[in-house]
Protein backbone atom coordinates (compact mmCIF):
# COMPACT_ATOMS: atom_id res chain seq x y z
CA UNK A 1 15.35 -25.32 -5.71
CA UNK A 2 11.97 -23.73 -5.57
CA UNK A 3 10.34 -22.36 -2.47
CA UNK A 4 6.70 -22.93 -1.78
CA UNK A 5 4.68 -19.77 -1.93
CA UNK A 6 1.08 -19.55 -0.99
CA UNK A 7 -0.85 -16.94 -2.90
CA UNK A 8 -4.30 -15.75 -2.00
CA UNK A 9 -6.21 -13.49 -4.31
CA UNK A 10 -9.22 -11.50 -3.27
CA UNK A 11 -10.48 -8.08 -4.07
CA UNK A 12 -10.62 -5.71 -1.10
CA UNK A 13 -13.36 -3.13 -1.04
CA UNK A 14 -12.51 -1.11 2.03
CA UNK A 15 -14.58 -3.15 4.48
CA UNK A 16 -12.31 -1.88 7.23
CA UNK A 17 -13.52 -1.91 10.78
CA UNK A 18 -12.92 1.14 12.97
CA UNK A 19 -9.54 -0.35 13.99
CA UNK A 20 -8.47 -0.32 10.36
CA UNK A 21 -9.33 3.11 9.06
CA UNK A 22 -7.86 4.79 5.97
CA UNK A 23 -7.71 8.00 8.04
CA UNK A 24 -5.59 6.62 10.92
CA UNK A 25 -2.45 8.76 10.85
CA UNK A 26 0.35 6.31 11.53
CA UNK A 27 3.26 7.36 9.27
CA UNK A 28 5.55 10.11 10.66
CA UNK A 29 6.45 12.76 8.10
CA UNK A 30 8.26 15.75 9.56
CA UNK A 31 6.17 17.15 12.42
CA UNK A 32 2.98 15.46 11.20
CA UNK A 33 1.60 11.98 10.54
CA UNK A 34 0.04 10.69 7.32
CA UNK A 35 -2.72 8.12 6.90
CA UNK A 36 -3.01 5.68 4.02
CA UNK A 37 -5.65 8.03 2.59
CA UNK A 38 -3.07 10.83 2.73
CA UNK A 39 -0.56 8.71 0.83
CA UNK A 40 -3.07 7.50 -1.76
CA UNK A 41 -4.41 11.02 -2.33
CA UNK A 42 -1.10 11.91 -3.95
CA UNK A 43 -1.77 9.37 -6.71
CA UNK A 44 -4.80 11.33 -7.89
CA UNK A 45 -3.50 14.83 -7.15
CA UNK A 46 -3.69 17.23 -10.11
CA UNK A 47 -0.02 18.13 -9.69
CA UNK A 48 0.98 14.54 -10.44
CA UNK A 49 -1.31 13.97 -13.42
CA UNK A 50 -0.33 13.78 -17.06
CA UNK A 51 -3.60 13.72 -18.97
CA UNK A 52 -5.79 11.29 -17.01
CA UNK A 53 -2.85 9.19 -15.77
CA UNK A 54 -0.90 9.69 -12.58
CA UNK A 55 2.85 10.01 -12.94
CA UNK A 56 3.00 8.13 -9.61
CA UNK A 57 2.58 4.44 -10.35
CA UNK A 58 3.87 2.42 -7.40
CA UNK A 59 4.02 2.65 -3.62
CA UNK A 60 6.59 0.61 -1.67
CA UNK A 61 6.66 -0.19 2.05
CA UNK A 62 9.55 -1.94 3.82
CA UNK A 63 10.55 -2.00 7.47
CA UNK A 64 13.57 0.20 8.10
CA UNK A 65 13.01 2.37 5.02
CA UNK A 66 10.82 5.38 4.36
CA UNK A 67 7.73 5.01 2.17
CA UNK A 68 8.86 5.19 -1.44
CA UNK A 69 7.05 5.57 -4.73
CA UNK A 70 7.72 5.45 -8.45
CA UNK A 71 7.45 8.81 -10.15
CA UNK A 72 7.91 8.49 -13.89
CA UNK A 73 10.86 6.05 -13.95
CA UNK A 74 12.47 6.97 -10.62
CA UNK A 75 11.93 5.42 -7.19
CA UNK A 76 11.80 8.26 -4.64
CA UNK A 77 11.50 8.33 -0.86
CA UNK A 78 8.57 10.23 0.64
CA UNK A 79 9.88 13.72 1.40
CA UNK A 80 10.44 14.02 5.16
CA UNK A 81 9.20 10.48 5.79
CA UNK A 82 10.78 8.39 8.50
CA UNK A 83 11.82 4.76 8.29
CA UNK A 84 8.85 2.42 8.71
CA UNK A 85 8.22 0.01 11.56
CA UNK A 86 6.27 -3.24 11.20
CA UNK A 87 3.42 -1.69 13.21
CA UNK A 88 3.26 1.32 10.88
CA UNK A 89 3.18 -0.92 7.82
CA UNK A 90 0.29 -2.89 9.32
CA UNK A 91 -1.49 0.39 10.18
CA UNK A 92 -1.16 1.46 6.56
CA UNK A 93 -2.00 -1.79 4.76
CA UNK A 94 -4.72 -3.31 6.95
CA UNK A 95 -7.34 -0.68 6.00
CA UNK A 96 -6.96 -1.77 2.36
CA UNK A 97 -7.56 -5.45 3.04
CA UNK A 98 -10.67 -7.51 3.49
CA UNK A 99 -11.19 -9.13 6.89
CA UNK A 100 -10.31 -12.50 5.34
CA UNK A 101 -6.96 -11.21 4.04
CA UNK A 102 -6.13 -9.47 7.33
CA UNK A 103 -6.73 -12.75 9.18
CA UNK A 104 -4.52 -14.63 6.69
CA UNK A 105 -1.68 -12.18 7.33
CA UNK A 106 -2.16 -12.24 11.08
CA UNK A 107 -2.23 -16.05 11.08
CA UNK A 108 1.39 -16.16 9.95
CA UNK A 109 1.07 -19.03 7.45
CA UNK A 110 0.91 -16.90 4.30
CA UNK A 111 4.11 -16.12 2.37
CA UNK A 112 2.60 -13.88 -0.33
CA UNK A 113 -0.72 -12.13 -0.66
CA UNK A 114 -2.01 -10.54 -3.87
CA UNK A 115 -5.22 -8.55 -3.96
CA UNK A 116 -6.78 -5.44 -5.40
CA UNK A 117 -8.02 -2.24 -3.85
CA UNK A 118 -10.49 -0.01 -5.64
CA UNK A 119 -10.31 3.49 -4.18
CA UNK A 120 -13.55 4.86 -5.56
CA UNK A 121 -13.31 8.39 -4.16
CA UNK A 122 -9.82 8.84 -5.61
CA UNK A 123 -10.72 7.21 -8.92
CA UNK A 124 -7.71 4.90 -8.74
CA UNK A 125 -7.41 1.10 -8.66
CA UNK A 126 -4.40 -0.59 -7.12
CA UNK A 127 -2.91 -4.06 -7.31
CA UNK A 128 -1.37 -4.92 -3.96
CA UNK A 129 1.38 -7.48 -3.42
CA UNK A 130 2.42 -8.24 0.16
CA UNK A 131 5.32 -10.56 0.91
CA UNK A 132 7.88 -11.38 3.56
CA UNK A 133 11.26 -9.69 3.26
CA UNK A 134 14.33 -11.78 2.47
CA UNK A 135 14.81 -12.58 6.15
CA UNK A 136 11.25 -13.89 6.26
CA UNK A 137 10.44 -11.91 9.38
CA UNK A 138 8.60 -8.79 8.27
CA UNK A 139 5.99 -7.86 5.69
CA UNK A 140 6.84 -5.67 2.72
CA UNK A 141 4.33 -4.27 0.31
CA UNK A 142 4.04 -2.93 -3.18
CA UNK A 143 1.09 -1.14 -4.79
CA UNK A 144 0.77 -0.63 -8.51
CA UNK A 145 -1.71 1.77 -10.06
CA UNK A 146 -3.88 -0.07 -12.58
CA UNK A 147 -6.00 2.68 -14.09
CA UNK A 148 -5.80 6.43 -14.31
CA UNK A 149 -8.60 8.69 -13.25
CA UNK A 150 -11.59 8.56 -15.52
CA UNK A 151 -10.58 5.25 -17.12
CA UNK A 152 -12.38 1.96 -17.04
């Protein structure tokens, strides 16, 4: 048995409105909050670089779990990060999406969404895959780093 999956592909270029800002601090970490920019900054941080490639390659978001990331071959939880809510996931992912893709997600008819995000200031490109969890109720997300700094 195969399930029907709708896939939409579109490149996002940070056309976020003021409601969807990379600097909105929505993710609780210890006594502070991080924005998506704060999370993405780690991917281009000197301390995580090996040559011109980041040792951080993936970012994972799932309701009920802290933000996690791949570092070398290990999946690690964000240090001090709390478990995510659906609202926090939306606050983190919506700034990366085009208006068209945000509307597709908000419409509720999309099962999967694949797109790209080019973070020019950080020098990193990401492939984003958003999908419903196994229960089909909440969005999960995965980001994969496509190019290291200075490549391309």
